[in-house]
N, C-alpha and C. Protein backbone atom coordinates (compact mmCIF):
# COMPACT_ATOMS: atom_id res chain seq x y z
N UNK A 1 -6.52 11.57 54.21
CA UNK A 1 -7.83 11.90 54.73
C UNK A 1 -7.81 11.75 56.24
N UNK A 2 -8.38 12.69 56.93
CA UNK A 2 -8.42 12.66 58.39
C UNK A 2 -9.54 11.74 58.88
N UNK A 3 -9.31 11.16 60.01
CA UNK A 3 -10.30 10.29 60.63
C UNK A 3 -11.46 11.13 61.14
N UNK A 4 -12.67 10.73 60.81
CA UNK A 4 -13.87 11.38 61.30
C UNK A 4 -14.20 10.75 62.65
N UNK A 5 -14.03 11.48 63.77
CA UNK A 5 -14.21 10.90 65.10
C UNK A 5 -15.61 10.33 65.34
N UNK A 6 -16.62 11.00 64.84
CA UNK A 6 -18.00 10.53 65.02
C UNK A 6 -18.23 9.21 64.27
N UNK A 7 -17.74 9.16 63.04
CA UNK A 7 -17.86 7.94 62.25
C UNK A 7 -17.06 6.81 62.89
N UNK A 8 -15.84 7.13 63.33
CA UNK A 8 -15.01 6.09 63.94
C UNK A 8 -15.67 5.53 65.20
N UNK A 9 -16.26 6.38 66.01
CA UNK A 9 -16.93 5.90 67.23
C UNK A 9 -18.07 4.95 66.88
N UNK A 10 -18.80 5.28 65.82
CA UNK A 10 -19.90 4.41 65.38
C UNK A 10 -19.38 3.05 64.91
N UNK A 11 -18.32 3.05 64.09
CA UNK A 11 -17.80 1.77 63.60
C UNK A 11 -17.14 0.98 64.73
N UNK A 12 -16.52 1.69 65.66
CA UNK A 12 -15.92 1.02 66.81
C UNK A 12 -17.00 0.30 67.64
N UNK A 13 -18.14 0.94 67.82
CA UNK A 13 -19.24 0.31 68.57
C UNK A 13 -19.78 -0.91 67.84
N UNK A 14 -19.91 -0.80 66.52
CA UNK A 14 -20.39 -1.94 65.72
C UNK A 14 -19.40 -3.10 65.83
N UNK A 15 -18.11 -2.79 65.69
CA UNK A 15 -17.08 -3.82 65.76
C UNK A 15 -17.04 -4.46 67.15
N UNK A 16 -17.14 -3.65 68.19
CA UNK A 16 -17.14 -4.17 69.57
C UNK A 16 -18.32 -5.11 69.77
N UNK A 17 -19.49 -4.73 69.33
CA UNK A 17 -20.68 -5.58 69.47
C UNK A 17 -20.48 -6.89 68.71
N UNK A 18 -19.88 -6.81 67.53
CA UNK A 18 -19.64 -8.01 66.73
C UNK A 18 -18.66 -8.95 67.45
N UNK A 19 -17.57 -8.39 67.96
CA UNK A 19 -16.58 -9.20 68.68
C UNK A 19 -17.20 -9.85 69.91
N UNK A 20 -18.02 -9.10 70.64
CA UNK A 20 -18.68 -9.66 71.83
C UNK A 20 -19.64 -10.77 71.45
N UNK A 21 -20.40 -10.57 70.38
CA UNK A 21 -21.36 -11.59 69.93
C UNK A 21 -20.65 -12.89 69.55
N UNK A 22 -19.47 -12.75 68.93
CA UNK A 22 -18.70 -13.92 68.50
C UNK A 22 -17.75 -14.43 69.59
N UNK A 23 -17.77 -13.80 70.75
CA UNK A 23 -16.88 -14.15 71.87
C UNK A 23 -15.41 -14.09 71.46
N UNK A 24 -15.07 -13.03 70.74
CA UNK A 24 -13.69 -12.81 70.30
C UNK A 24 -13.05 -11.70 71.13
N UNK A 25 -11.73 -11.74 71.23
CA UNK A 25 -11.01 -10.75 72.04
C UNK A 25 -11.05 -9.38 71.39
N UNK A 26 -11.15 -8.37 72.23
CA UNK A 26 -11.14 -6.97 71.80
C UNK A 26 -9.73 -6.44 72.05
N UNK A 27 -8.87 -6.61 71.05
CA UNK A 27 -7.46 -6.26 71.22
C UNK A 27 -7.16 -4.86 70.68
N UNK A 28 -6.11 -4.28 71.22
CA UNK A 28 -5.69 -2.95 70.74
C UNK A 28 -5.26 -3.03 69.28
N UNK A 29 -4.69 -4.15 68.85
CA UNK A 29 -4.27 -4.31 67.46
C UNK A 29 -5.48 -4.26 66.52
N UNK A 30 -6.54 -4.95 66.89
CA UNK A 30 -7.74 -4.94 66.04
C UNK A 30 -8.31 -3.53 65.91
N UNK A 31 -8.33 -2.80 67.01
CA UNK A 31 -8.86 -1.43 66.97
C UNK A 31 -7.92 -0.49 66.22
N UNK A 32 -6.62 -0.73 66.30
CA UNK A 32 -5.66 0.08 65.55
C UNK A 32 -5.87 -0.12 64.04
N UNK A 33 -6.12 -1.36 63.64
CA UNK A 33 -6.37 -1.67 62.24
C UNK A 33 -7.66 -0.99 61.79
N UNK A 34 -8.69 -1.08 62.59
CA UNK A 34 -9.97 -0.42 62.27
C UNK A 34 -9.77 1.08 62.11
N UNK A 35 -9.06 1.69 63.05
CA UNK A 35 -8.83 3.13 63.00
C UNK A 35 -8.04 3.53 61.76
N UNK A 36 -7.02 2.75 61.44
CA UNK A 36 -6.21 3.05 60.25
C UNK A 36 -7.06 2.96 58.98
N UNK A 37 -7.88 1.94 58.87
CA UNK A 37 -8.74 1.79 57.70
C UNK A 37 -9.66 2.98 57.54
N UNK A 38 -10.25 3.43 58.66
CA UNK A 38 -11.21 4.53 58.58
C UNK A 38 -10.54 5.90 58.49
N UNK A 39 -9.20 5.93 58.48
CA UNK A 39 -8.50 7.18 58.22
C UNK A 39 -8.00 7.22 56.77
N UNK A 40 -8.12 6.09 56.06
CA UNK A 40 -7.70 6.02 54.65
C UNK A 40 -8.84 6.47 53.74
N UNK A 41 -8.47 6.87 52.55
CA UNK A 41 -9.49 7.14 51.54
C UNK A 41 -9.24 6.20 50.36
N UNK A 42 -10.29 5.77 49.74
CA UNK A 42 -10.16 4.91 48.57
C UNK A 42 -9.87 3.46 48.91
N UNK A 43 -9.36 2.75 47.93
CA UNK A 43 -9.10 1.32 48.04
C UNK A 43 -7.68 1.07 48.54
N UNK A 44 -7.50 -0.07 49.17
CA UNK A 44 -6.18 -0.44 49.67
C UNK A 44 -6.05 -1.95 49.64
N UNK A 45 -4.83 -2.44 49.64
CA UNK A 45 -4.60 -3.88 49.75
C UNK A 45 -3.97 -4.16 51.11
N UNK A 46 -3.85 -5.42 51.43
CA UNK A 46 -3.34 -5.82 52.75
C UNK A 46 -1.94 -5.28 52.97
N UNK A 47 -1.09 -5.38 51.96
CA UNK A 47 0.30 -4.94 52.12
C UNK A 47 0.38 -3.44 52.40
N UNK A 48 -0.41 -2.64 51.68
CA UNK A 48 -0.42 -1.19 51.91
C UNK A 48 -0.88 -0.88 53.33
N UNK A 49 -1.91 -1.56 53.79
CA UNK A 49 -2.40 -1.36 55.16
C UNK A 49 -1.33 -1.76 56.17
N UNK A 50 -0.69 -2.89 55.94
CA UNK A 50 0.36 -3.38 56.83
C UNK A 50 1.50 -2.35 56.93
N UNK A 51 1.90 -1.79 55.79
CA UNK A 51 2.97 -0.79 55.78
C UNK A 51 2.55 0.47 56.53
N UNK A 52 1.29 0.93 56.32
CA UNK A 52 0.78 2.09 57.07
C UNK A 52 0.90 1.85 58.57
N UNK A 53 0.50 0.67 59.00
CA UNK A 53 0.53 0.34 60.43
C UNK A 53 1.97 0.27 60.94
N UNK A 54 2.87 -0.34 60.17
CA UNK A 54 4.28 -0.44 60.57
C UNK A 54 4.91 0.95 60.67
N UNK A 55 4.58 1.83 59.70
CA UNK A 55 5.12 3.18 59.72
C UNK A 55 4.66 3.99 60.92
N UNK A 56 3.56 3.59 61.51
CA UNK A 56 3.06 4.25 62.72
C UNK A 56 3.48 3.49 63.98
N UNK A 57 4.40 2.55 63.82
CA UNK A 57 4.97 1.76 64.92
C UNK A 57 3.96 0.90 65.66
N UNK A 58 2.93 0.43 64.94
CA UNK A 58 2.03 -0.55 65.54
C UNK A 58 2.68 -1.92 65.38
N UNK A 59 2.71 -2.67 66.43
CA UNK A 59 3.32 -3.99 66.39
C UNK A 59 2.32 -5.06 65.98
N UNK A 60 1.89 -5.02 64.72
CA UNK A 60 0.93 -6.01 64.24
C UNK A 60 1.57 -6.87 63.17
N UNK A 61 1.17 -8.11 63.14
CA UNK A 61 1.67 -9.03 62.12
C UNK A 61 0.74 -9.01 60.92
N UNK A 62 1.25 -9.52 59.80
CA UNK A 62 0.40 -9.64 58.60
C UNK A 62 -0.79 -10.55 58.91
N UNK A 63 -0.57 -11.60 59.67
CA UNK A 63 -1.66 -12.52 60.01
C UNK A 63 -2.77 -11.79 60.76
N UNK A 64 -2.40 -10.91 61.68
CA UNK A 64 -3.39 -10.13 62.43
C UNK A 64 -4.14 -9.21 61.49
N UNK A 65 -3.44 -8.60 60.53
CA UNK A 65 -4.10 -7.72 59.56
C UNK A 65 -5.09 -8.54 58.73
N UNK A 66 -4.66 -9.67 58.20
CA UNK A 66 -5.56 -10.52 57.41
C UNK A 66 -6.77 -10.96 58.23
N UNK A 67 -6.53 -11.46 59.43
CA UNK A 67 -7.63 -11.95 60.27
C UNK A 67 -8.60 -10.84 60.65
N UNK A 68 -8.08 -9.68 60.96
CA UNK A 68 -8.94 -8.55 61.33
C UNK A 68 -9.74 -8.07 60.13
N UNK A 69 -9.12 -8.04 58.96
CA UNK A 69 -9.86 -7.67 57.76
C UNK A 69 -11.01 -8.63 57.50
N UNK A 70 -10.77 -9.92 57.70
CA UNK A 70 -11.85 -10.90 57.54
C UNK A 70 -13.01 -10.60 58.49
N UNK A 71 -12.69 -10.27 59.73
CA UNK A 71 -13.74 -9.93 60.71
C UNK A 71 -14.49 -8.67 60.29
N UNK A 72 -13.78 -7.67 59.80
CA UNK A 72 -14.40 -6.41 59.40
C UNK A 72 -15.27 -6.59 58.16
N UNK A 73 -14.89 -7.50 57.28
CA UNK A 73 -15.74 -7.82 56.12
C UNK A 73 -17.00 -8.54 56.61
N UNK A 74 -16.84 -9.48 57.53
CA UNK A 74 -17.99 -10.23 58.06
C UNK A 74 -19.02 -9.33 58.73
N UNK A 75 -18.58 -8.28 59.39
CA UNK A 75 -19.53 -7.40 60.07
C UNK A 75 -19.86 -6.16 59.24
N UNK A 76 -19.56 -6.20 57.94
CA UNK A 76 -19.94 -5.17 56.97
C UNK A 76 -19.35 -3.79 57.22
N UNK A 77 -18.20 -3.73 57.85
CA UNK A 77 -17.52 -2.45 58.03
C UNK A 77 -16.49 -2.20 56.92
N UNK A 78 -16.13 -3.27 56.21
CA UNK A 78 -15.17 -3.20 55.11
C UNK A 78 -15.70 -4.06 53.97
N UNK A 79 -15.50 -3.60 52.74
CA UNK A 79 -15.87 -4.38 51.56
C UNK A 79 -14.60 -4.91 50.90
N UNK A 80 -14.69 -6.13 50.43
CA UNK A 80 -13.55 -6.77 49.75
C UNK A 80 -13.90 -6.90 48.27
N UNK A 81 -12.94 -6.54 47.42
CA UNK A 81 -13.13 -6.62 45.98
C UNK A 81 -12.01 -7.43 45.34
N UNK A 82 -12.35 -8.13 44.30
CA UNK A 82 -11.37 -8.84 43.49
C UNK A 82 -11.49 -8.24 42.10
N UNK A 83 -10.62 -7.32 41.76
CA UNK A 83 -10.72 -6.60 40.52
C UNK A 83 -9.95 -7.29 39.38
N UNK A 84 -10.12 -8.59 39.23
CA UNK A 84 -9.52 -9.30 38.12
C UNK A 84 -8.06 -9.66 38.29
N UNK A 85 -7.49 -9.34 39.44
CA UNK A 85 -6.11 -9.70 39.72
C UNK A 85 -6.12 -10.67 40.91
N UNK A 86 -4.99 -11.21 41.23
CA UNK A 86 -4.91 -12.08 42.40
C UNK A 86 -4.95 -11.29 43.70
N UNK A 87 -4.70 -10.00 43.63
CA UNK A 87 -4.61 -9.16 44.81
C UNK A 87 -5.98 -8.60 45.19
N UNK A 88 -6.44 -8.89 46.39
CA UNK A 88 -7.72 -8.36 46.86
C UNK A 88 -7.55 -6.89 47.24
N UNK A 89 -8.56 -6.11 46.96
CA UNK A 89 -8.61 -4.70 47.33
C UNK A 89 -9.75 -4.53 48.32
N UNK A 90 -9.58 -3.63 49.25
CA UNK A 90 -10.56 -3.39 50.29
C UNK A 90 -10.93 -1.91 50.31
N UNK A 91 -12.08 -1.60 50.90
CA UNK A 91 -12.46 -0.22 51.16
C UNK A 91 -13.42 -0.21 52.34
N UNK A 92 -13.41 0.89 53.07
CA UNK A 92 -14.34 1.01 54.19
C UNK A 92 -15.75 1.10 53.62
N UNK A 93 -16.72 0.56 54.33
CA UNK A 93 -18.06 0.53 53.79
C UNK A 93 -19.10 1.26 54.64
N UNK A 94 -18.80 1.50 55.91
CA UNK A 94 -19.77 2.18 56.77
C UNK A 94 -19.95 3.62 56.30
N UNK A 95 -21.19 4.00 56.06
CA UNK A 95 -21.48 5.37 55.67
C UNK A 95 -21.16 5.69 54.22
N UNK A 96 -20.72 4.70 53.45
CA UNK A 96 -20.43 4.98 52.04
C UNK A 96 -21.65 4.66 51.19
N UNK A 97 -21.80 5.41 50.14
CA UNK A 97 -22.93 5.23 49.24
C UNK A 97 -22.64 4.12 48.26
N UNK A 98 -23.72 3.50 47.77
CA UNK A 98 -23.58 2.46 46.75
C UNK A 98 -22.85 3.07 45.55
N UNK A 99 -21.86 2.37 45.06
CA UNK A 99 -21.14 2.82 43.89
C UNK A 99 -20.60 1.61 43.14
N UNK A 100 -20.18 1.85 41.93
CA UNK A 100 -19.62 0.80 41.10
C UNK A 100 -18.21 1.20 40.71
N UNK A 101 -17.52 0.32 40.00
CA UNK A 101 -16.10 0.52 39.75
C UNK A 101 -15.75 0.38 38.27
N UNK A 102 -14.81 1.22 37.85
CA UNK A 102 -14.22 1.17 36.52
C UNK A 102 -12.72 0.95 36.73
N UNK A 103 -12.18 -0.09 36.11
CA UNK A 103 -10.78 -0.47 36.32
C UNK A 103 -10.02 -0.36 35.00
N UNK A 104 -8.89 0.35 35.02
CA UNK A 104 -8.02 0.41 33.84
C UNK A 104 -7.22 -0.89 33.78
N UNK A 105 -7.33 -1.59 32.66
CA UNK A 105 -6.61 -2.86 32.50
C UNK A 105 -5.12 -2.64 32.24
N UNK A 106 -4.72 -1.40 31.97
CA UNK A 106 -3.31 -1.11 31.73
C UNK A 106 -2.59 -0.71 33.02
N UNK A 107 -3.16 0.25 33.74
CA UNK A 107 -2.46 0.77 34.93
C UNK A 107 -3.13 0.38 36.24
N UNK A 108 -4.26 -0.33 36.18
CA UNK A 108 -4.99 -0.82 37.35
C UNK A 108 -5.65 0.29 38.17
N UNK A 109 -5.75 1.48 37.62
CA UNK A 109 -6.43 2.57 38.32
C UNK A 109 -7.88 2.19 38.56
N UNK A 110 -8.38 2.49 39.76
CA UNK A 110 -9.76 2.21 40.13
C UNK A 110 -10.51 3.53 40.22
N UNK A 111 -11.60 3.64 39.48
CA UNK A 111 -12.44 4.83 39.50
C UNK A 111 -13.83 4.41 39.98
N UNK A 112 -14.33 5.11 40.98
CA UNK A 112 -15.67 4.84 41.48
C UNK A 112 -16.66 5.74 40.75
N UNK A 113 -17.84 5.20 40.46
CA UNK A 113 -18.88 6.02 39.85
C UNK A 113 -20.25 5.56 40.35
N UNK A 114 -21.20 6.44 40.25
CA UNK A 114 -22.57 6.14 40.65
C UNK A 114 -23.49 6.63 39.55
N UNK A 115 -24.38 5.77 39.10
CA UNK A 115 -25.35 6.13 38.07
C UNK A 115 -26.71 5.63 38.54
N UNK A 116 -27.67 6.54 38.73
CA UNK A 116 -28.98 6.14 39.24
C UNK A 116 -29.71 5.16 38.32
N UNK A 117 -29.35 5.09 37.06
CA UNK A 117 -30.00 4.14 36.15
C UNK A 117 -29.73 2.70 36.58
N UNK A 118 -28.58 2.46 37.21
CA UNK A 118 -28.27 1.11 37.68
C UNK A 118 -29.25 0.70 38.77
N UNK A 119 -29.57 1.62 39.66
CA UNK A 119 -30.58 1.36 40.70
C UNK A 119 -31.94 1.08 40.06
N UNK A 120 -32.27 1.82 39.01
CA UNK A 120 -33.54 1.59 38.31
C UNK A 120 -33.59 0.20 37.70
N UNK A 121 -32.48 -0.24 37.11
CA UNK A 121 -32.41 -1.60 36.55
C UNK A 121 -32.58 -2.63 37.67
N UNK A 122 -31.91 -2.41 38.79
CA UNK A 122 -32.02 -3.32 39.92
C UNK A 122 -33.47 -3.42 40.40
N UNK A 123 -34.15 -2.29 40.52
CA UNK A 123 -35.55 -2.28 40.95
C UNK A 123 -36.44 -3.02 39.97
N UNK A 124 -36.20 -2.85 38.67
CA UNK A 124 -36.98 -3.53 37.64
C UNK A 124 -36.77 -5.03 37.70
N UNK A 125 -35.52 -5.44 37.85
CA UNK A 125 -35.20 -6.88 37.94
C UNK A 125 -35.90 -7.49 39.17
N UNK A 126 -35.85 -6.79 40.28
CA UNK A 126 -36.53 -7.28 41.49
C UNK A 126 -38.02 -7.52 41.22
N UNK A 127 -38.64 -6.55 40.61
CA UNK A 127 -40.08 -6.62 40.36
C UNK A 127 -40.43 -7.72 39.36
N UNK A 128 -39.71 -7.77 38.26
CA UNK A 128 -40.02 -8.74 37.20
C UNK A 128 -39.74 -10.18 37.61
N UNK A 129 -38.65 -10.39 38.34
CA UNK A 129 -38.23 -11.75 38.67
C UNK A 129 -38.58 -12.17 40.09
N UNK A 130 -39.23 -11.26 40.83
CA UNK A 130 -39.68 -11.55 42.19
C UNK A 130 -38.53 -11.97 43.11
N UNK A 131 -37.49 -11.13 43.10
CA UNK A 131 -36.35 -11.31 43.98
C UNK A 131 -36.20 -10.06 44.83
N UNK A 132 -35.51 -10.22 45.94
CA UNK A 132 -35.14 -9.07 46.76
C UNK A 132 -33.63 -8.92 46.67
N UNK A 133 -33.18 -7.97 45.84
CA UNK A 133 -31.74 -7.76 45.65
C UNK A 133 -31.18 -7.12 46.91
N UNK A 134 -30.21 -7.79 47.52
CA UNK A 134 -29.61 -7.29 48.76
C UNK A 134 -28.45 -6.35 48.48
N UNK A 135 -27.67 -6.62 47.45
CA UNK A 135 -26.58 -5.75 47.02
C UNK A 135 -26.17 -6.19 45.63
N UNK A 136 -25.38 -5.36 45.00
CA UNK A 136 -24.87 -5.72 43.68
C UNK A 136 -23.43 -5.25 43.55
N UNK A 137 -22.79 -5.77 42.52
CA UNK A 137 -21.43 -5.35 42.22
C UNK A 137 -21.30 -5.24 40.71
N UNK A 138 -20.92 -4.08 40.25
CA UNK A 138 -20.69 -3.86 38.83
C UNK A 138 -19.26 -3.36 38.67
N UNK A 139 -18.50 -4.08 37.88
CA UNK A 139 -17.11 -3.69 37.61
C UNK A 139 -16.94 -3.63 36.09
N UNK A 140 -16.54 -2.50 35.60
CA UNK A 140 -16.25 -2.32 34.18
C UNK A 140 -14.74 -2.29 34.01
N UNK A 141 -14.24 -3.07 33.05
CA UNK A 141 -12.81 -3.09 32.76
C UNK A 141 -12.59 -2.35 31.44
N UNK A 142 -11.65 -1.44 31.44
CA UNK A 142 -11.41 -0.59 30.27
C UNK A 142 -9.96 -0.18 30.23
N UNK A 143 -9.63 0.60 29.23
CA UNK A 143 -8.29 1.15 29.11
C UNK A 143 -8.41 2.66 29.21
N UNK A 144 -7.54 3.26 30.02
CA UNK A 144 -7.54 4.72 30.16
C UNK A 144 -7.40 5.37 28.79
N UNK A 145 -8.15 6.42 28.59
CA UNK A 145 -8.00 7.20 27.36
C UNK A 145 -6.99 8.32 27.56
N UNK A 146 -6.61 8.54 28.79
CA UNK A 146 -5.68 9.62 29.11
C UNK A 146 -4.28 9.26 28.67
N UNK A 147 -3.56 10.26 28.23
CA UNK A 147 -2.17 10.07 27.83
C UNK A 147 -1.26 9.78 29.03
N UNK A 148 -1.72 10.13 30.22
CA UNK A 148 -0.86 9.93 31.39
C UNK A 148 -1.07 8.56 32.05
N UNK A 149 -1.77 7.66 31.38
CA UNK A 149 -1.91 6.29 31.90
C UNK A 149 -0.50 5.71 32.03
N UNK A 150 -0.17 5.23 33.22
CA UNK A 150 1.19 4.78 33.51
C UNK A 150 1.68 3.63 32.64
N UNK A 151 0.76 2.79 32.19
CA UNK A 151 1.15 1.61 31.41
C UNK A 151 0.46 1.56 30.07
N UNK A 152 0.29 2.71 29.45
CA UNK A 152 -0.43 2.79 28.18
C UNK A 152 0.18 1.86 27.15
N UNK A 153 -0.68 1.04 26.56
CA UNK A 153 -0.20 0.14 25.50
C UNK A 153 0.10 0.95 24.25
N UNK A 154 1.13 0.56 23.56
CA UNK A 154 1.51 1.30 22.35
C UNK A 154 0.77 0.78 21.15
């Protein structure tokens, strides 16, 4: 997926403001990581991101990738997910619509879906229980029905 220059400029401004507010350095490595994330599509893990950066000859360490991801999660530019494994998965969050996830327990495939009924349930819960729901996370674990599931159980 190609980087959307308008979107990247917006996230860069948000990240810059966040770094300035926290009195943190605005390094080329941090911006390279941000740019790489916003050129990816779908979910990724730290190792995949690190390899993408290394393949583009960015001189960043794994520690820098981890630390920058933490900052991007803190300022809501990246979402972090734990899909039942020890490995955290990330995805860009700026400009993305609310969605939920379906995970294959055999091949670990992640499928995003959106169902307006979930929003209706959230609104009802808010009203009945007098809460203000700020966000939610719904993860369904299942087994692929497709024959091409890479790790189909016999």
